[in-house]
């Protein structure tokens, strides 16, 4: 069984960028959110690579929830996994 990162272990970097945009259809202003997770697996194995992807997925989902509002969550149909 492979190890997973705990709150005290760093396993990569997370980048969060907001960019002002306009809708291509009606030119309504908006914001584009881009969340990128990067890291290196702890070992050179497929299992370790997938473990890192799982950890990064959790980090991206938690960041999305933290930087967006409940109203937007409802608009996008986000369901809380807890």
Protein backbone atom coordinates (compact mmCIF):
# COMPACT_ATOMS: atom_id res chain seq x y z
CA UNK A 1 0.00 0.00 0.00
CA UNK A 2 1.34 3.42 -0.83
CA UNK A 3 1.59 6.44 1.43
CA UNK A 4 -0.62 9.47 1.08
CA UNK A 5 0.28 13.03 2.00
CA UNK A 6 -0.85 14.34 5.34
CA UNK A 7 -1.47 17.97 6.17
CA UNK A 8 2.19 18.37 7.20
CA UNK A 9 3.68 16.80 4.06
CA UNK A 10 4.24 18.83 0.92
CA UNK A 11 3.61 16.88 -2.27
CA UNK A 12 3.60 19.57 -4.94
CA UNK A 13 2.51 23.06 -5.88
CA UNK A 14 -0.89 24.49 -6.62
CA UNK A 15 -1.41 27.53 -8.84
CA UNK A 16 -4.69 29.45 -8.88
CA UNK A 17 -5.26 32.17 -11.50
CA UNK A 18 -8.26 34.40 -12.18
CA UNK A 19 -8.38 36.08 -15.59
CA UNK A 20 -11.01 38.63 -16.65
CA UNK A 21 -12.90 37.47 -19.75
CA UNK A 22 -15.85 38.30 -21.97
CA UNK A 23 -18.40 35.80 -23.24
CA UNK A 24 -17.79 35.15 -26.95
CA UNK A 25 -21.55 35.08 -27.58
CA UNK A 26 -22.84 38.25 -25.91
CA UNK A 27 -19.67 39.93 -24.57
CA UNK A 28 -20.83 39.68 -20.93
CA UNK A 29 -17.85 40.16 -18.60
CA UNK A 30 -16.78 37.25 -16.44
CA UNK A 31 -13.82 35.54 -14.83
CA UNK A 32 -11.91 32.46 -15.89
CA UNK A 33 -10.56 30.34 -13.04
CA UNK A 34 -7.58 28.11 -13.71
CA UNK A 35 -6.29 25.76 -11.01
CA UNK A 36 -3.12 23.81 -11.81
CA UNK A 37 -1.51 21.18 -9.58
CA UNK A 38 2.07 20.09 -10.17
CA UNK A 39 4.27 17.66 -8.34
CA UNK A 40 6.63 14.72 -8.53
CA UNK A 41 5.58 11.26 -7.35
CA UNK A 42 7.44 10.01 -4.29
CA UNK A 43 8.61 6.95 -6.25
CA UNK A 44 9.04 6.07 -9.92
CA UNK A 45 6.07 3.70 -9.99
CA UNK A 46 2.65 3.82 -11.59
CA UNK A 47 1.01 3.42 -8.18
CA UNK A 48 2.93 6.41 -6.81
CA UNK A 49 1.99 8.49 -9.86
CA UNK A 50 -1.70 7.69 -9.41
CA UNK A 51 -1.46 8.44 -5.67
CA UNK A 52 -0.08 11.87 -6.53
CA UNK A 53 -2.90 12.45 -9.04
CA UNK A 54 -5.45 11.54 -6.36
CA UNK A 55 -3.85 13.97 -3.89
CA UNK A 56 -3.74 16.71 -6.51
CA UNK A 57 -7.38 16.13 -7.41
CA UNK A 58 -8.39 16.62 -3.78
CA UNK A 59 -6.28 19.80 -3.56
CA UNK A 60 -7.86 21.23 -6.74
CA UNK A 61 -11.43 20.45 -5.58
CA UNK A 62 -10.80 21.95 -2.13
CA UNK A 63 -9.24 25.06 -3.68
CA UNK A 64 -12.16 25.46 -6.08
CA UNK A 65 -14.58 25.27 -3.13
CA UNK A 66 -12.50 27.78 -1.14
CA UNK A 67 -12.20 30.45 -3.85
CA UNK A 68 -15.75 30.31 -5.22
CA UNK A 69 -19.09 31.16 -3.62
CA UNK A 70 -21.94 28.83 -2.64
CA UNK A 71 -24.12 30.64 -5.21
CA UNK A 72 -21.71 29.68 -7.97
CA UNK A 73 -21.53 26.11 -6.64
CA UNK A 74 -25.31 25.91 -6.98
CA UNK A 75 -25.21 27.44 -10.49
CA UNK A 76 -22.64 24.85 -11.64
CA UNK A 77 -24.45 21.98 -9.90
CA UNK A 78 -21.57 21.22 -7.55
CA UNK A 79 -22.34 18.46 -5.07
CA UNK A 80 -20.50 18.30 -1.76
CA UNK A 81 -18.80 14.93 -1.45
CA UNK A 82 -18.92 14.96 2.36
